[in-house]
Amino acid sequence: MAQNSFEQIRQHVMSLEDDFSKFYDKGNKAAGTRIRKGMQELKELAQKIRLEVQGMKNTED
């Protein structure tokens, strides 16, 4: 599961690459909106992984 979670994060970040370029290099405001949405999704994914890791850690004790 952990490898799958890491791969999800990696793929998600890579999917935002074009929008980062459009926003920072070309000033495309719509790309900025997509970045913000994507970063919120990344935050939610990271939280899910944190809870998973914490749960696994707690069950080992």
C-alpha atoms as a PDB file:
ATOM      1  CA  MET A   1       0.000   0.000   0.000  1.00  0.00           C
ATOM      2  CA  ALA A   2       2.781   2.445   0.892  1.00  0.00           C
ATOM      3  CA  GLN A   3       4.448   2.177  -2.513  1.00  0.00           C
ATOM      4  CA  ASN A   4       1.087   2.745  -4.169  1.00  0.00           C
ATOM      5  CA  SER A   5       0.500   5.850  -2.027  1.00  0.00           C
ATOM      6  CA  PHE A   6       3.904   7.242  -2.902  1.00  0.00           C
ATOM      7  CA  GLU A   7       3.263   6.610  -6.592  1.00  0.00           C
ATOM      8  CA  GLN A   8      -0.085   8.412  -6.329  1.00  0.00           C
ATOM      9  CA  ILE A   9       1.617  11.475  -4.880  1.00  0.00           C
ATOM     10  CA  ARG A  10       4.356  11.407  -7.501  1.00  0.00           C
ATOM     11  CA  GLN A  11       1.878  11.102 -10.364  1.00  0.00           C
ATOM     12  CA  HIS A  12      -0.319  13.838  -8.927  1.00  0.00           C
ATOM     13  CA  VAL A  13       2.585  16.275  -8.636  1.00  0.00           C
ATOM     14  CA  MET A  14       3.750  15.457 -12.160  1.00  0.00           C
ATOM     15  CA  SER A  15       0.231  16.032 -13.498  1.00  0.00           C
ATOM     16  CA  LEU A  16       0.470  19.644 -12.283  1.00  0.00           C
ATOM     17  CA  GLU A  17       3.737  20.366 -14.097  1.00  0.00           C
ATOM     18  CA  ASP A  18       2.158  21.948 -17.185  1.00  0.00           C
ATOM     19  CA  ASP A  19      -0.082  24.194 -15.093  1.00  0.00           C
ATOM     20  CA  PHE A  20       2.899  25.378 -13.027  1.00  0.00           C
ATOM     21  CA  SER A  21       4.682  26.336 -16.229  1.00  0.00           C
ATOM     22  CA  LYS A  22       1.611  28.076 -17.643  1.00  0.00           C
ATOM     23  CA  PHE A  23       1.037  30.019 -14.443  1.00  0.00           C
ATOM     24  CA  TYR A  24       4.583  31.020 -13.475  1.00  0.00           C
ATOM     25  CA  ASP A  25       6.061  31.445 -16.953  1.00  0.00           C
ATOM     26  CA  LYS A  26       3.067  32.755 -18.900  1.00  0.00           C
ATOM     27  CA  GLY A  27       0.858  34.284 -16.206  1.00  0.00           C
ATOM     28  CA  ASN A  28      -2.160  32.108 -17.053  1.00  0.00           C
ATOM     29  CA  LYS A  29      -4.608  32.725 -14.192  1.00  0.00           C
ATOM     30  CA  ALA A  30      -6.753  29.665 -14.983  1.00  0.00           C
ATOM     31  CA  ALA A  31      -3.667  27.495 -14.556  1.00  0.00           C
ATOM     32  CA  GLY A  32      -3.219  29.074 -11.109  1.00  0.00           C
ATOM     33  CA  THR A  33      -6.736  27.972 -10.184  1.00  0.00           C
ATOM     34  CA  ARG A  34      -5.959  24.432 -11.337  1.00  0.00           C
ATOM     35  CA  ILE A  35      -2.740  24.466  -9.283  1.00  0.00           C
ATOM     36  CA  ARG A  36      -4.618  25.519  -6.155  1.00  0.00           C
ATOM     37  CA  LYS A  37      -7.184  22.763  -6.695  1.00  0.00           C
ATOM     38  CA  GLY A  38      -4.440  20.216  -7.332  1.00  0.00           C
ATOM     39  CA  MET A  39      -2.536  21.268  -4.233  1.00  0.00           C
ATOM     40  CA  GLN A  40      -5.698  20.880  -2.131  1.00  0.00           C
ATOM     41  CA  GLU A  41      -6.095  17.355  -3.500  1.00  0.00           C
ATOM     42  CA  LEU A  42      -2.437  16.698  -2.678  1.00  0.00           C
ATOM     43  CA  LYS A  43      -3.008  17.908   0.869  1.00  0.00           C
ATOM     44  CA  GLU A  44      -5.948  15.518   1.247  1.00  0.00           C
ATOM     45  CA  LEU A  45      -3.906  12.623  -0.130  1.00  0.00           C
ATOM     46  CA  ALA A  46      -1.037  13.444   2.224  1.00  0.00           C
ATOM     47  CA  GLN A  47      -3.428  13.513   5.197  1.00  0.00           C
ATOM     48  CA  LYS A  48      -4.817  10.122   4.214  1.00  0.00           C
ATOM     49  CA  ILE A  49      -1.280   8.706   4.107  1.00  0.00           C
ATOM     50  CA  ARG A  50      -0.412  10.302   7.464  1.00  0.00           C
ATOM     51  CA  LEU A  51      -3.422   8.627   9.073  1.00  0.00           C
ATOM     52  CA  GLU A  52      -2.535   5.310   7.450  1.00  0.00           C
ATOM     53  CA  VAL A  53       1.054   5.488   8.720  1.00  0.00           C
ATOM     54  CA  GLN A  54      -0.084   6.499  12.202  1.00  0.00           C
ATOM     55  CA  GLY A  55      -2.549   3.629  12.297  1.00  0.00           C
ATOM     56  CA  MET A  56       0.087   1.109  11.232  1.00  0.00           C
ATOM     57  CA  LYS A  57       2.535   2.521  13.766  1.00  0.00           C
ATOM     58  CA  ASN A  58       0.010   2.288  16.585  1.00  0.00           C
ATOM     59  CA  THR A  59      -0.902  -1.318  15.803  1.00  0.00           C
ATOM     60  CA  GLU A  60       2.750  -2.392  16.029  1.00  0.00           C
ATOM     61  CA  ASP A  61       2.953  -1.512  19.729  1.00  0.00           C
END
